[in-house]
Amino acid sequence: MAHAESLRVIGQLLEAAEIPAFELEEDGLNYVVKCGSVAHLDEFVLRHALTRNDFPDQATRQPIVPSVTTVPSVRLTRADIFRLDDKAQLRRRKTFSQPKVAGRLSQQLRTLGNHLDRMNARAFLICWETDSVAVYFRRLDGQRDSLTFTHDKLTQMSTPSKFRRSSQRV
């Protein structure tokens, strides 16, 4: 699964939890989402989404509740991403599909994933803040790079070009 699809699924999970700032790291095998502070309700949403009966490896999953010295985090394997995506597809088939909204977190993360896919990113760290997004990544050739985006820029990048307003005046 490409970064774009995986990040969209993770974005849907974070949208449901209403988490405004986080770090998301991918090491080639897994994704780890770290949040500075997770409210009780947000923690419940994350826990509920990741500990459903359709996840057979619950015993190996790291706990969401932090110890005194750790930041709350959730580890997602590729299998978790596929399962969450399958569940979301089933839900969309059963209900009227919602139009893609460019400003949604899931769509912005998908756009960022598309960009990482085009850059041939092998591993990355996304630092998502309320006003900007910093991305640090390593390409397939081992070269390291970083990018910074505003949320407005990601929204603009996720809007199909035929719907963007032209900056040129006639």
Foldseek 3Di string as FASTA:
>chain_A
DFQLLLLLLVLVLCVVLVQQWWKWKDQQWKIKIFGQDRDPSSLVSNCCLQPPPVDPPVVPWDDQDDDPPDTRMGMGGVVSSVVSVVVVVVVCVVDPHDDDQLLRRSLLSSLVRVVCVVQQFRIKMWTGHNFKIKIWTAHPVRDIDIDMGGSVVSSVSSDPPVPDDDPDDD
